[in-house]
Amino acid sequence: MTKKILIVTHSGDLHADLITPILAAKGGAWFRIDLDTFPRDYELIQAFQPDGCRGEIRHLPSGASIDIADIGAVWARKTGDFAYRSADLGPQELAYAKMESEQALFGLLYGLDCYWVSHPLAMRGAMWKGEQLQRAQRLGFRIPTTLLTNSAAQVRQFHAQLPGQMIFKAMSTPTLAAEEVADADCVAEGLTTTLIDDDMMEAIDAVAELPCQFQQYIAKQYELRVTVIGRRVFAARIHSQDDSRTTVDCRDMSAPIRYTPTLLPPQIERLCLELVTSYGLNYSALDLIVTPDNEYVFLENNPAGQFLFIEQLIPEFNLLETLADQLLQEAACSTR
């Protein structure tokens, strides 16, 4: 029997919407769990007997279902807040319902012996910015001179010793957790990589509130978004210095800067693959800088990083099709 692909995401995920027609065209079978409608729209069964375990997940609105024995590959794409049939659960009831839902669903999924893009435990282990820098440097990457601290005195000393400018960059999310609060409670929608000026240094005592990340600002010739799918590496050159809006942080998508395909030096490609596989990941997106002196500098690793914008800007990469082929190949090779 041909194994199926399980996609775990949320209902607003365009990446998942676009890959399923590709899977269908290639003869693949899949089942999708949208976490923002689970368990409301799903029925989950996991039964343990002396002769082993059986399990099934059924999507109630469509009647589609998947037997866990038929899963050959999992694409763990996005998280989402659970949904319940009752709209009037109290705070404690809701908290308990979430904990029990997590236990049931992820207790079933984590027991799957199959190919993952990528396993949630591997992704969680790969998300910590301080550990990423330490690992990248150990493997042989150049990294920015960096300080993580909640000591204003340490920031002042670090700033004074830098040969150039200093930046602040959020470690967890550039949105400053705006998506985690109600609109009425949102006080800022985000903060991009920021050059620290004299006025900011005057207010630097504020870092005592929580640890922050500061780095030496590194001059750029261009930036790179390196997408790794399995053992394949796709390097997009980001011409961030062509527009004043993206010279410090290339994530301003309103700037019409060019994205072009490029080839990495073999040593840098090897380091990218080695970093990703060292975490047990089968997918990741890395951000690098290339300096005016053609030095490659590692910035960060994004184990669940977006890639659709790269697909749109450099369609010849065929990232969606590459990922679909990878999932189908691994599902077909599954012996579970």
C-alpha atoms as a PDB file:
ATOM      1  CA  MET A   1       0.000   0.000   0.000  1.00  0.00           C
ATOM      2  CA  THR A   2       1.265   3.488  -0.873  1.00  0.00           C
ATOM      3  CA  LYS A   3       1.892   5.476   2.269  1.00  0.00           C
ATOM      4  CA  LYS A   4       0.201   8.826   2.807  1.00  0.00           C
ATOM      5  CA  ILE A   5       1.562  12.237   3.721  1.00  0.00           C
ATOM      6  CA  LEU A   6       0.240  13.928   6.852  1.00  0.00           C
ATOM      7  CA  ILE A   7       0.276  17.746   6.800  1.00  0.00           C
ATOM      8  CA  VAL A   8       0.017  19.440  10.206  1.00  0.00           C
ATOM      9  CA  THR A   9      -0.695  23.159   9.928  1.00  0.00           C
ATOM     10  CA  HIS A  10      -3.497  25.707  10.313  1.00  0.00           C
ATOM     11  CA  SER A  11      -6.360  26.663   8.025  1.00  0.00           C
ATOM     12  CA  GLY A  12      -4.724  29.882   6.803  1.00  0.00           C
ATOM     13  CA  ASP A  13      -1.520  28.281   5.572  1.00  0.00           C
ATOM     14  CA  LEU A  14      -1.025  29.150   1.899  1.00  0.00           C
ATOM     15  CA  HIS A  15       2.067  26.933   1.681  1.00  0.00           C
ATOM     16  CA  ALA A  16      -0.052  23.868   2.456  1.00  0.00           C
ATOM     17  CA  ASP A  17      -2.830  25.039   0.122  1.00  0.00           C
ATOM     18  CA  LEU A  18      -0.397  25.220  -2.792  1.00  0.00           C
ATOM     19  CA  ILE A  19       1.452  21.962  -2.249  1.00  0.00           C
ATOM     20  CA  THR A  20      -1.593  19.663  -2.188  1.00  0.00           C
ATOM     21  CA  PRO A  21      -2.432  20.105  -5.909  1.00  0.00           C
ATOM     22  CA  ILE A  22       1.195  19.253  -6.684  1.00  0.00           C
ATOM     23  CA  LEU A  23       0.956  16.106  -4.576  1.00  0.00           C
ATOM     24  CA  ALA A  24      -2.301  15.173  -6.323  1.00  0.00           C
ATOM     25  CA  ALA A  25      -0.791  15.677  -9.773  1.00  0.00           C
ATOM     26  CA  LYS A  26       2.031  13.330  -8.815  1.00  0.00           C
ATOM     27  CA  GLY A  27      -0.363  10.642  -7.577  1.00  0.00           C
ATOM     28  CA  GLY A  28       0.251  11.258  -3.893  1.00  0.00           C
ATOM     29  CA  ALA A  29      -2.255  10.903  -1.072  1.00  0.00           C
ATOM     30  CA  TRP A  30      -2.375  13.193   1.928  1.00  0.00           C
ATOM     31  CA  PHE A  31      -4.371  14.104   4.990  1.00  0.00           C
ATOM     32  CA  ARG A  32      -4.354  17.554   6.561  1.00  0.00           C
ATOM     33  CA  ILE A  33      -4.831  18.530  10.186  1.00  0.00           C
ATOM     34  CA  ASP A  34      -5.594  22.205  10.718  1.00  0.00           C
ATOM     35  CA  LEU A  35      -4.717  22.749  14.350  1.00  0.00           C
ATOM     36  CA  ASP A  36      -6.948  25.824  14.634  1.00  0.00           C
ATOM     37  CA  THR A  37      -9.956  23.562  14.010  1.00  0.00           C
ATOM     38  CA  PHE A  38      -8.764  20.642  16.183  1.00  0.00           C
ATOM     39  CA  PRO A  39     -10.354  18.848  18.011  1.00  0.00           C
ATOM     40  CA  ARG A  40     -13.646  20.535  17.076  1.00  0.00           C
ATOM     41  CA  ASP A  41     -13.668  19.216  13.494  1.00  0.00           C
ATOM     42  CA  TYR A  42     -11.815  15.946  14.087  1.00  0.00           C
ATOM     43  CA  GLU A  43     -12.269  12.588  15.724  1.00  0.00           C
ATOM     44  CA  LEU A  44      -9.114  10.998  17.141  1.00  0.00           C
ATOM     45  CA  ILE A  45      -8.742   7.357  18.186  1.00  0.00           C
ATOM     46  CA  GLN A  46      -5.644   5.727  19.639  1.00  0.00           C
ATOM     47  CA  ALA A  47      -6.085   2.290  21.164  1.00  0.00           C
ATOM     48  CA  PHE A  48      -3.459   0.126  22.857  1.00  0.00           C
ATOM     49  CA  GLN A  49      -3.941  -3.640  22.932  1.00  0.00           C
ATOM     50  CA  PRO A  50      -1.639  -6.543  23.869  1.00  0.00           C
ATOM     51  CA  ASP A  51      -0.821  -6.968  20.188  1.00  0.00           C
ATOM     52  CA  GLY A  52       0.092  -3.320  19.596  1.00  0.00           C
ATOM     53  CA  CYS A  53      -1.360   0.116  18.912  1.00  0.00           C
ATOM     54  CA  ARG A  54      -3.861   1.309  16.345  1.00  0.00           C
ATOM     55  CA  GLY A  55      -4.950   4.835  15.606  1.00  0.00           C
ATOM     56  CA  GLU A  56      -7.074   6.902  13.283  1.00  0.00           C
ATOM     57  CA  ILE A  57      -7.840  10.581  12.729  1.00  0.00           C
ATOM     58  CA  ARG A  58     -11.067  11.524  10.957  1.00  0.00           C
ATOM     59  CA  HIS A  59     -12.039  14.928   9.577  1.00  0.00           C
ATOM     60  CA  LEU A  60     -15.709  15.189  10.458  1.00  0.00           C
ATOM     61  CA  PRO A  61     -16.899  17.803   7.906  1.00  0.00           C
ATOM     62  CA  SER A  62     -15.475  15.899   4.921  1.00  0.00           C
ATOM     63  CA  GLY A  63     -15.478  12.340   6.238  1.00  0.00           C
ATOM     64  CA  ALA A  64     -11.823  11.914   5.194  1.00  0.00           C
ATOM     65  CA  SER A  65      -9.682   9.839   7.523  1.00  0.00           C
ATOM     66  CA  ILE A  66      -6.197   8.447   7.908  1.00  0.00           C
ATOM     67  CA  ASP A  67      -4.958   5.354   9.702  1.00  0.00           C
ATOM     68  CA  ILE A  68      -1.685   6.012  11.511  1.00  0.00           C
ATOM     69  CA  ALA A  69      -0.270   2.815   9.996  1.00  0.00           C
ATOM     70  CA  ASP A  70      -0.676   4.419   6.560  1.00  0.00           C
ATOM     71  CA  ILE A  71       1.410   7.518   7.325  1.00  0.00           C
ATOM     72  CA  GLY A  72       4.779   7.471   5.558  1.00  0.00           C
ATOM     73  CA  ALA A  73       5.804  11.109   5.936  1.00  0.00           C
ATOM     74  CA  VAL A  74       4.771  14.132   7.993  1.00  0.00           C
ATOM     75  CA  TRP A  75       5.107  17.788   7.077  1.00  0.00           C
ATOM     76  CA  ALA A  76       4.939  19.694  10.362  1.00  0.00           C
ATOM     77  CA  ARG A  77       4.256  23.104   8.859  1.00  0.00           C
ATOM     78  CA  LYS A  78       2.558  25.458  11.312  1.00  0.00           C
ATOM     79  CA  THR A  79       1.084  25.633  14.795  1.00  0.00           C
ATOM     80  CA  GLY A  80      -2.373  26.920  15.688  1.00  0.00           C
ATOM     81  CA  ASP A  81      -4.655  27.478  18.663  1.00  0.00           C
ATOM     82  CA  PHE A  82      -7.077  24.635  19.282  1.00  0.00           C
ATOM     83  CA  ALA A  83     -10.826  25.055  18.769  1.00  0.00           C
ATOM     84  CA  TYR A  84     -13.640  23.431  20.721  1.00  0.00           C
ATOM     85  CA  ARG A  85     -17.316  22.813  20.076  1.00  0.00           C
ATOM     86  CA  SER A  86     -18.412  24.682  23.169  1.00  0.00           C
ATOM     87  CA  ALA A  87     -17.959  28.452  22.997  1.00  0.00           C
ATOM     88  CA  ASP A  88     -18.463  29.029  26.725  1.00  0.00           C
ATOM     89  CA  LEU A  89     -15.630  27.083  28.332  1.00  0.00           C
ATOM     90  CA  GLY A  90     -14.352  28.812  31.447  1.00  0.00           C
ATOM     91  CA  PRO A  91     -10.672  29.770  31.826  1.00  0.00           C
ATOM     92  CA  GLN A  92      -9.751  26.621  33.761  1.00  0.00           C
ATOM     93  CA  GLU A  93     -11.805  24.400  31.479  1.00  0.00           C
ATOM     94  CA  LEU A  94     -10.114  25.926  28.440  1.00  0.00           C
ATOM     95  CA  ALA A  95      -6.641  25.529  29.937  1.00  0.00           C
ATOM     96  CA  TYR A  96      -7.316  21.892  30.781  1.00  0.00           C
ATOM     97  CA  ALA A  97      -8.864  21.221  27.368  1.00  0.00           C
ATOM     98  CA  LYS A  98      -5.730  22.562  25.657  1.00  0.00           C
ATOM     99  CA  MET A  99      -3.422  20.412  27.776  1.00  0.00           C
ATOM    100  CA  GLU A 100      -5.465  17.263  27.172  1.00  0.00           C
ATOM    101  CA  SER A 101      -5.713  17.990  23.430  1.00  0.00           C
ATOM    102  CA  GLU A 102      -1.939  18.383  23.220  1.00  0.00           C
ATOM    103  CA  GLN A 103      -1.431  15.122  25.090  1.00  0.00           C
ATOM    104  CA  ALA A 104      -3.779  13.199  22.810  1.00  0.00           C
ATOM    105  CA  LEU A 105      -2.671  14.600  19.464  1.00  0.00           C
ATOM    106  CA  PHE A 106       1.059  14.905  19.958  1.00  0.00           C
ATOM    107  CA  GLY A 107       1.258  11.693  21.933  1.00  0.00           C
ATOM    108  CA  LEU A 108      -0.088  10.020  18.804  1.00  0.00           C
ATOM    109  CA  LEU A 109       1.990  11.968  16.292  1.00  0.00           C
ATOM    110  CA  TYR A 110       5.318  11.757  18.111  1.00  0.00           C
ATOM    111  CA  GLY A 111       4.983   7.981  18.141  1.00  0.00           C
ATOM    112  CA  LEU A 112       5.031   7.824  14.341  1.00  0.00           C
ATOM    113  CA  ASP A 113       8.106   6.063  13.004  1.00  0.00           C
ATOM    114  CA  CYS A 114       8.367   7.830   9.658  1.00  0.00           C
ATOM    115  CA  TYR A 115       9.992  10.705   7.787  1.00  0.00           C
ATOM    116  CA  TRP A 116       9.404  14.199   9.176  1.00  0.00           C
ATOM    117  CA  VAL A 117       9.843  17.669   7.680  1.00  0.00           C
ATOM    118  CA  SER A 118      10.786  18.249  10.384  1.00  0.00           C
ATOM    119  CA  HIS A 119      10.105  16.568  13.710  1.00  0.00           C
ATOM    120  CA  PRO A 120       8.764  19.150  16.206  1.00  0.00           C
ATOM    121  CA  LEU A 121      11.286  18.095  18.836  1.00  0.00           C
ATOM    122  CA  ALA A 122      14.117  18.682  16.343  1.00  0.00           C
ATOM    123  CA  MET A 123      12.645  22.056  15.362  1.00  0.00           C
ATOM    124  CA  ARG A 124      12.338  23.128  18.976  1.00  0.00           C
ATOM    125  CA  GLY A 125      15.940  22.141  19.614  1.00  0.00           C
ATOM    126  CA  ALA A 126      17.054  24.236  16.636  1.00  0.00           C
ATOM    127  CA  MET A 127      15.223  27.491  17.433  1.00  0.00           C
ATOM    128  CA  TRP A 128      17.420  29.043  20.139  1.00  0.00           C
ATOM    129  CA  LYS A 129      19.459  31.932  18.734  1.00  0.00           C
ATOM    130  CA  GLY A 130      22.291  31.795  21.265  1.00  0.00           C
ATOM    131  CA  GLU A 131      22.787  28.070  20.733  1.00  0.00           C
ATOM    132  CA  GLN A 132      22.645  28.550  16.952  1.00  0.00           C
ATOM    133  CA  LEU A 133      25.502  31.043  17.053  1.00  0.00           C
ATOM    134  CA  GLN A 134      27.584  28.765  19.245  1.00  0.00           C
ATOM    135  CA  ARG A 135      26.978  25.764  16.974  1.00  0.00           C
ATOM    136  CA  ALA A 136      27.592  27.712  13.767  1.00  0.00           C
ATOM    137  CA  GLN A 137      30.876  29.077  15.087  1.00  0.00           C
ATOM    138  CA  ARG A 138      31.956  25.626  16.228  1.00  0.00           C
ATOM    139  CA  LEU A 139      31.260  24.199  12.769  1.00  0.00           C
ATOM    140  CA  GLY A 140      33.379  26.879  11.107  1.00  0.00           C
ATOM    141  CA  PHE A 141      31.041  29.742  10.211  1.00  0.00           C
ATOM    142  CA  ARG A 142      32.033  33.317  10.903  1.00  0.00           C
ATOM    143  CA  ILE A 143      29.378  34.898  13.156  1.00  0.00           C
ATOM    144  CA  PRO A 144      28.758  38.502  14.267  1.00  0.00           C
ATOM    145  CA  THR A 145      30.320  39.645  17.517  1.00  0.00           C
ATOM    146  CA  THR A 146      27.300  39.274  19.801  1.00  0.00           C
ATOM    147  CA  LEU A 147      26.169  40.050  23.338  1.00  0.00           C
ATOM    148  CA  LEU A 148      23.028  38.613  24.991  1.00  0.00           C
ATOM    149  CA  THR A 149      22.404  40.303  28.330  1.00  0.00           C
ATOM    150  CA  ASN A 150      20.120  42.260  30.643  1.00  0.00           C
ATOM    151  CA  SER A 151      23.075  44.234  32.052  1.00  0.00           C
ATOM    152  CA  ALA A 152      23.206  47.836  30.879  1.00  0.00           C
ATOM    153  CA  ALA A 153      26.833  48.082  32.013  1.00  0.00           C
ATOM    154  CA  GLN A 154      27.754  45.139  29.780  1.00  0.00           C
ATOM    155  CA  VAL A 155      25.966  46.741  26.818  1.00  0.00           C
ATOM    156  CA  ARG A 156      27.840  50.010  27.320  1.00  0.00           C
ATOM    157  CA  GLN A 157      31.160  48.183  27.514  1.00  0.00           C
ATOM    158  CA  PHE A 158      30.319  46.062  24.457  1.00  0.00           C
ATOM    159  CA  HIS A 159      29.296  49.166  22.493  1.00  0.00           C
ATOM    160  CA  ALA A 160      32.479  51.041  23.428  1.00  0.00           C
ATOM    161  CA  GLN A 161      34.708  48.178  22.313  1.00  0.00           C
ATOM    162  CA  LEU A 162      33.076  47.599  18.920  1.00  0.00           C
ATOM    163  CA  PRO A 163      35.023  48.943  15.941  1.00  0.00           C
ATOM    164  CA  GLY A 164      31.783  50.073  14.282  1.00  0.00           C
ATOM    165  CA  GLN A 165      28.071  50.423  14.908  1.00  0.00           C
ATOM    166  CA  MET A 166      25.882  48.192  17.116  1.00  0.00           C
ATOM    167  CA  ILE A 167      22.470  46.743  16.305  1.00  0.00           C
ATOM    168  CA  PHE A 168      19.600  45.375  18.353  1.00  0.00           C
ATOM    169  CA  LYS A 169      17.711  42.376  16.982  1.00  0.00           C
ATOM    170  CA  ALA A 170      14.842  40.445  18.563  1.00  0.00           C
ATOM    171  CA  MET A 171      15.645  36.807  19.315  1.00  0.00           C
ATOM    172  CA  SER A 172      12.169  35.289  19.326  1.00  0.00           C
ATOM    173  CA  THR A 173      10.031  37.271  16.880  1.00  0.00           C
ATOM    174  CA  PRO A 174      10.354  40.629  15.092  1.00  0.00           C
ATOM    175  CA  THR A 175       6.626  41.164  15.685  1.00  0.00           C
ATOM    176  CA  LEU A 176       7.319  41.648  19.413  1.00  0.00           C
ATOM    177  CA  ALA A 177       4.665  38.989  20.114  1.00  0.00           C
ATOM    178  CA  ALA A 178       1.906  41.160  18.631  1.00  0.00           C
ATOM    179  CA  GLU A 179       0.206  38.027  17.343  1.00  0.00           C
ATOM    180  CA  GLU A 180      -0.039  36.664  20.896  1.00  0.00           C
ATOM    181  CA  VAL A 181      -2.309  39.411  22.250  1.00  0.00           C
ATOM    182  CA  ALA A 182      -5.681  40.903  21.391  1.00  0.00           C
ATOM    183  CA  ASP A 183      -5.704  43.903  19.046  1.00  0.00           C
ATOM    184  CA  ALA A 184      -6.711  46.171  21.913  1.00  0.00           C
ATOM    185  CA  ASP A 185      -3.636  45.093  23.864  1.00  0.00           C
ATOM    186  CA  CYS A 186      -1.172  45.500  20.988  1.00  0.00           C
ATOM    187  CA  VAL A 187       1.165  48.447  21.586  1.00  0.00           C
ATOM    188  CA  ALA A 188       3.619  47.788  18.715  1.00  0.00           C
ATOM    189  CA  GLU A 189       3.397  45.672  15.588  1.00  0.00           C
ATOM    190  CA  GLY A 190       7.086  44.894  15.376  1.00  0.00           C
ATOM    191  CA  LEU A 191      10.676  46.040  15.371  1.00  0.00           C
ATOM    192  CA  THR A 192      13.180  45.284  12.639  1.00  0.00           C
ATOM    193  CA  THR A 193      16.937  45.074  13.105  1.00  0.00           C
ATOM    194  CA  THR A 194      17.811  48.466  14.572  1.00  0.00           C
ATOM    195  CA  LEU A 195      21.006  50.514  14.564  1.00  0.00           C
ATOM    196  CA  ILE A 196      21.591  51.808  18.084  1.00  0.00           C
ATOM    197  CA  ASP A 197      22.138  55.565  18.134  1.00  0.00           C
ATOM    198  CA  ASP A 198      23.215  57.899  20.949  1.00  0.00           C
ATOM    199  CA  ASP A 199      19.653  58.578  22.094  1.00  0.00           C
ATOM    200  CA  MET A 200      19.017  54.842  22.429  1.00  0.00           C
ATOM    201  CA  MET A 201      22.213  54.414  24.418  1.00  0.00           C
ATOM    202  CA  GLU A 202      20.958  57.097  26.815  1.00  0.00           C
ATOM    203  CA  ALA A 203      17.965  54.824  27.545  1.00  0.00           C
ATOM    204  CA  ILE A 204      19.932  51.568  27.642  1.00  0.00           C
ATOM    205  CA  ASP A 205      19.137  50.967  31.343  1.00  0.00           C
ATOM    206  CA  ALA A 206      15.814  49.598  30.060  1.00  0.00           C
ATOM    207  CA  VAL A 207      17.534  46.319  29.146  1.00  0.00           C
ATOM    208  CA  ALA A 208      17.469  45.415  32.842  1.00  0.00           C
ATOM    209  CA  GLU A 209      13.844  44.443  32.242  1.00  0.00           C
ATOM    210  CA  LEU A 210      14.715  41.434  30.048  1.00  0.00           C
ATOM    211  CA  PRO A 211      17.709  39.931  28.209  1.00  0.00           C
ATOM    212  CA  CYS A 212      18.321  41.462  24.771  1.00  0.00           C
ATOM    213  CA  GLN A 213      20.542  40.644  21.796  1.00  0.00           C
ATOM    214  CA  PHE A 214      23.120  43.144  20.550  1.00  0.00           C
ATOM    215  CA  GLN A 215      25.526  42.584  17.676  1.00  0.00           C
ATOM    216  CA  GLN A 216      28.222  44.339  15.740  1.00  0.00           C
ATOM    217  CA  TYR A 217      26.739  45.786  12.560  1.00  0.00           C
ATOM    218  CA  ILE A 218      28.411  44.088   9.587  1.00  0.00           C
ATOM    219  CA  ALA A 219      28.627  45.885   6.255  1.00  0.00           C
ATOM    220  CA  LYS A 220      26.942  43.933   3.465  1.00  0.00           C
ATOM    221  CA  GLN A 221      27.595  43.397  -0.180  1.00  0.00           C
ATOM    222  CA  TYR A 222      24.373  41.385  -0.296  1.00  0.00           C
ATOM    223  CA  GLU A 223      22.404  38.904   1.820  1.00  0.00           C
ATOM    224  CA  LEU A 224      21.489  35.281   1.314  1.00  0.00           C
ATOM    225  CA  ARG A 225      18.428  33.207   2.077  1.00  0.00           C
ATOM    226  CA  VAL A 226      19.554  29.597   1.913  1.00  0.00           C
ATOM    227  CA  THR A 227      16.733  27.049   1.799  1.00  0.00           C
ATOM    228  CA  VAL A 228      17.629  23.435   2.545  1.00  0.00           C
ATOM    229  CA  ILE A 229      15.203  20.661   1.532  1.00  0.00           C
ATOM    230  CA  GLY A 230      16.567  17.233   2.273  1.00  0.00           C
ATOM    231  CA  ARG A 231      20.078  17.333   0.825  1.00  0.00           C
ATOM    232  CA  ARG A 232      19.303  20.052  -1.735  1.00  0.00           C
ATOM    233  CA  VAL A 233      20.443  23.627  -1.182  1.00  0.00           C
ATOM    234  CA  PHE A 234      18.847  26.686  -2.826  1.00  0.00           C
ATOM    235  CA  ALA A 235      20.657  29.992  -2.336  1.00  0.00           C
ATOM    236  CA  ALA A 236      18.834  33.252  -3.082  1.00  0.00           C
ATOM    237  CA  ARG A 237      20.948  36.392  -3.354  1.00  0.00           C
ATOM    238  CA  ILE A 238      19.092  39.331  -1.814  1.00  0.00           C
ATOM    239  CA  HIS A 239      20.242  42.647  -3.254  1.00  0.00           C
ATOM    240  CA  SER A 240      19.410  44.454  -0.018  1.00  0.00           C
ATOM    241  CA  GLN A 241      21.853  47.312  -0.547  1.00  0.00           C
ATOM    242  CA  ASP A 242      19.971  48.538  -3.624  1.00  0.00           C
ATOM    243  CA  ASP A 243      17.314  50.279  -1.506  1.00  0.00           C
ATOM    244  CA  SER A 244      17.698  52.417   1.618  1.00  0.00           C
ATOM    245  CA  ARG A 245      14.749  50.620   3.236  1.00  0.00           C
ATOM    246  CA  THR A 246      16.586  47.292   3.263  1.00  0.00           C
ATOM    247  CA  THR A 247      20.216  48.199   3.888  1.00  0.00           C
ATOM    248  CA  VAL A 248      19.993  47.233   7.579  1.00  0.00           C
ATOM    249  CA  ASP A 249      17.150  44.688   7.463  1.00  0.00           C
ATOM    250  CA  CYS A 250      16.075  43.077   4.187  1.00  0.00           C
ATOM    251  CA  ARG A 251      12.650  42.034   5.507  1.00  0.00           C
ATOM    252  CA  ASP A 252      10.841  45.143   4.255  1.00  0.00           C
ATOM    253  CA  MET A 253       8.920  43.486   1.412  1.00  0.00           C
ATOM    254  CA  SER A 254       7.605  46.865   0.206  1.00  0.00           C
ATOM    255  CA  ALA A 255      11.047  47.582  -1.238  1.00  0.00           C
ATOM    256  CA  PRO A 256      11.303  46.196  -4.798  1.00  0.00           C
ATOM    257  CA  ILE A 257      14.765  44.719  -4.356  1.00  0.00           C
ATOM    258  CA  ARG A 258      16.014  41.897  -6.551  1.00  0.00           C
ATOM    259  CA  TYR A 259      16.238  38.253  -5.517  1.00  0.00           C
ATOM    260  CA  THR A 260      18.434  36.181  -7.824  1.00  0.00           C
ATOM    261  CA  PRO A 261      19.641  32.562  -7.743  1.00  0.00           C
ATOM    262  CA  THR A 262      23.272  32.044  -6.856  1.00  0.00           C
ATOM    263  CA  LEU A 263      25.697  29.215  -6.171  1.00  0.00           C
ATOM    264  CA  LEU A 264      27.405  28.976  -2.810  1.00  0.00           C
ATOM    265  CA  PRO A 265      31.091  28.126  -2.513  1.00  0.00           C
ATOM    266  CA  PRO A 266      31.322  24.362  -1.812  1.00  0.00           C
ATOM    267  CA  GLN A 267      32.632  24.977   1.710  1.00  0.00           C
ATOM    268  CA  ILE A 268      29.721  27.278   2.620  1.00  0.00           C
ATOM    269  CA  GLU A 269      27.164  24.869   1.115  1.00  0.00           C
ATOM    270  CA  ARG A 270      28.719  22.055   3.133  1.00  0.00           C
ATOM    271  CA  LEU A 271      28.502  24.123   6.328  1.00  0.00           C
ATOM    272  CA  CYS A 272      24.839  24.946   5.680  1.00  0.00           C
ATOM    273  CA  LEU A 273      23.991  21.269   5.189  1.00  0.00           C
ATOM    274  CA  GLU A 274      26.053  20.244   8.198  1.00  0.00           C
ATOM    275  CA  LEU A 275      24.333  22.782  10.442  1.00  0.00           C
ATOM    276  CA  VAL A 276      20.832  21.740   9.356  1.00  0.00           C
ATOM    277  CA  THR A 277      21.457  17.997   9.598  1.00  0.00           C
ATOM    278  CA  SER A 278      23.203  18.378  12.965  1.00  0.00           C
ATOM    279  CA  TYR A 279      19.789  19.255  14.401  1.00  0.00           C
ATOM    280  CA  GLY A 280      18.063  16.302  12.737  1.00  0.00           C
ATOM    281  CA  LEU A 281      16.165  18.668  10.428  1.00  0.00           C
ATOM    282  CA  ASN A 282      15.068  17.812   6.900  1.00  0.00           C
ATOM    283  CA  TYR A 283      14.167  21.416   6.108  1.00  0.00           C
ATOM    284  CA  SER A 284      15.453  24.787   7.205  1.00  0.00           C
ATOM    285  CA  ALA A 285      16.064  28.342   5.973  1.00  0.00           C
ATOM    286  CA  LEU A 286      19.325  30.067   6.874  1.00  0.00           C
ATOM    287  CA  ASP A 287      20.114  33.796   6.735  1.00  0.00           C
ATOM    288  CA  LEU A 288      23.660  34.816   5.832  1.00  0.00           C
ATOM    289  CA  ILE A 289      25.529  38.009   4.933  1.00  0.00           C
ATOM    290  CA  VAL A 290      28.225  38.373   2.308  1.00  0.00           C
ATOM    291  CA  THR A 291      30.536  41.266   3.163  1.00  0.00           C
ATOM    292  CA  PRO A 292      32.215  43.635   0.674  1.00  0.00           C
ATOM    293  CA  ASP A 293      35.318  41.454   1.154  1.00  0.00           C
ATOM    294  CA  ASN A 294      33.325  38.339   0.091  1.00  0.00           C
ATOM    295  CA  GLU A 295      33.287  36.847   3.582  1.00  0.00           C
ATOM    296  CA  TYR A 296      30.240  34.735   4.483  1.00  0.00           C
ATOM    297  CA  VAL A 297      28.687  35.476   7.887  1.00  0.00           C
ATOM    298  CA  PHE A 298      26.030  33.302   9.535  1.00  0.00           C
ATOM    299  CA  LEU A 299      23.110  35.208  11.072  1.00  0.00           C
ATOM    300  CA  GLU A 300      20.452  32.659  12.038  1.00  0.00           C
ATOM    301  CA  ASN A 301      18.713  29.383  11.289  1.00  0.00           C
ATOM    302  CA  ASN A 302      14.928  29.220  10.789  1.00  0.00           C
ATOM    303  CA  PRO A 303      13.792  25.580  11.153  1.00  0.00           C
ATOM    304  CA  ALA A 304      10.232  26.457  10.091  1.00  0.00           C
ATOM    305  CA  GLY A 305      11.151  29.445   7.943  1.00  0.00           C
ATOM    306  CA  GLN A 306       8.872  30.694   5.189  1.00  0.00           C
ATOM    307  CA  PHE A 307       9.823  29.829   1.621  1.00  0.00           C
ATOM    308  CA  LEU A 308       6.820  30.826  -0.503  1.00  0.00           C
ATOM    309  CA  PHE A 309       8.193  34.343  -1.038  1.00  0.00           C
ATOM    310  CA  ILE A 310      11.365  32.788  -2.447  1.00  0.00           C
ATOM    311  CA  GLU A 311       9.246  30.545  -4.691  1.00  0.00           C
ATOM    312  CA  GLN A 312       7.439  33.618  -6.000  1.00  0.00           C
ATOM    313  CA  LEU A 313      10.562  35.714  -6.518  1.00  0.00           C
ATOM    314  CA  ILE A 314      12.715  32.907  -7.979  1.00  0.00           C
ATOM    315  CA  PRO A 315      10.190  30.486  -9.516  1.00  0.00           C
ATOM    316  CA  GLU A 316      12.907  28.427 -11.205  1.00  0.00           C
ATOM    317  CA  PHE A 317      13.861  27.062  -7.783  1.00  0.00           C
ATOM    318  CA  ASN A 318      10.583  25.037  -7.777  1.00  0.00           C
ATOM    319  CA  LEU A 319      10.694  24.780  -3.990  1.00  0.00           C
ATOM    320  CA  LEU A 320       7.120  23.533  -3.612  1.00  0.00           C
ATOM    321  CA  GLU A 321       7.693  20.789  -6.157  1.00  0.00           C
ATOM    322  CA  THR A 322      11.038  19.866  -4.597  1.00  0.00           C
ATOM    323  CA  LEU A 323       9.407  19.512  -1.187  1.00  0.00           C
ATOM    324  CA  ALA A 324       6.505  17.545  -2.651  1.00  0.00           C
ATOM    325  CA  ASP A 325       8.943  15.154  -4.360  1.00  0.00           C
ATOM    326  CA  GLN A 326      10.880  14.749  -1.121  1.00  0.00           C
ATOM    327  CA  LEU A 327       7.748  13.897   0.862  1.00  0.00           C
ATOM    328  CA  LEU A 328       6.459  11.499  -1.786  1.00  0.00           C
ATOM    329  CA  GLN A 329       9.804   9.752  -2.129  1.00  0.00           C
ATOM    330  CA  GLU A 330      10.193   9.270   1.600  1.00  0.00           C
ATOM    331  CA  ALA A 331       6.587   8.142   2.019  1.00  0.00           C
ATOM    332  CA  ALA A 332       7.102   5.536  -0.716  1.00  0.00           C
ATOM    333  CA  CYS A 333      10.267   4.308   1.004  1.00  0.00           C
ATOM    334  CA  SER A 334       8.581   3.996   4.380  1.00  0.00           C
ATOM    335  CA  THR A 335       8.440   0.424   5.688  1.00  0.00           C
ATOM    336  CA  ARG A 336       6.374   1.088   8.781  1.00  0.00           C
END
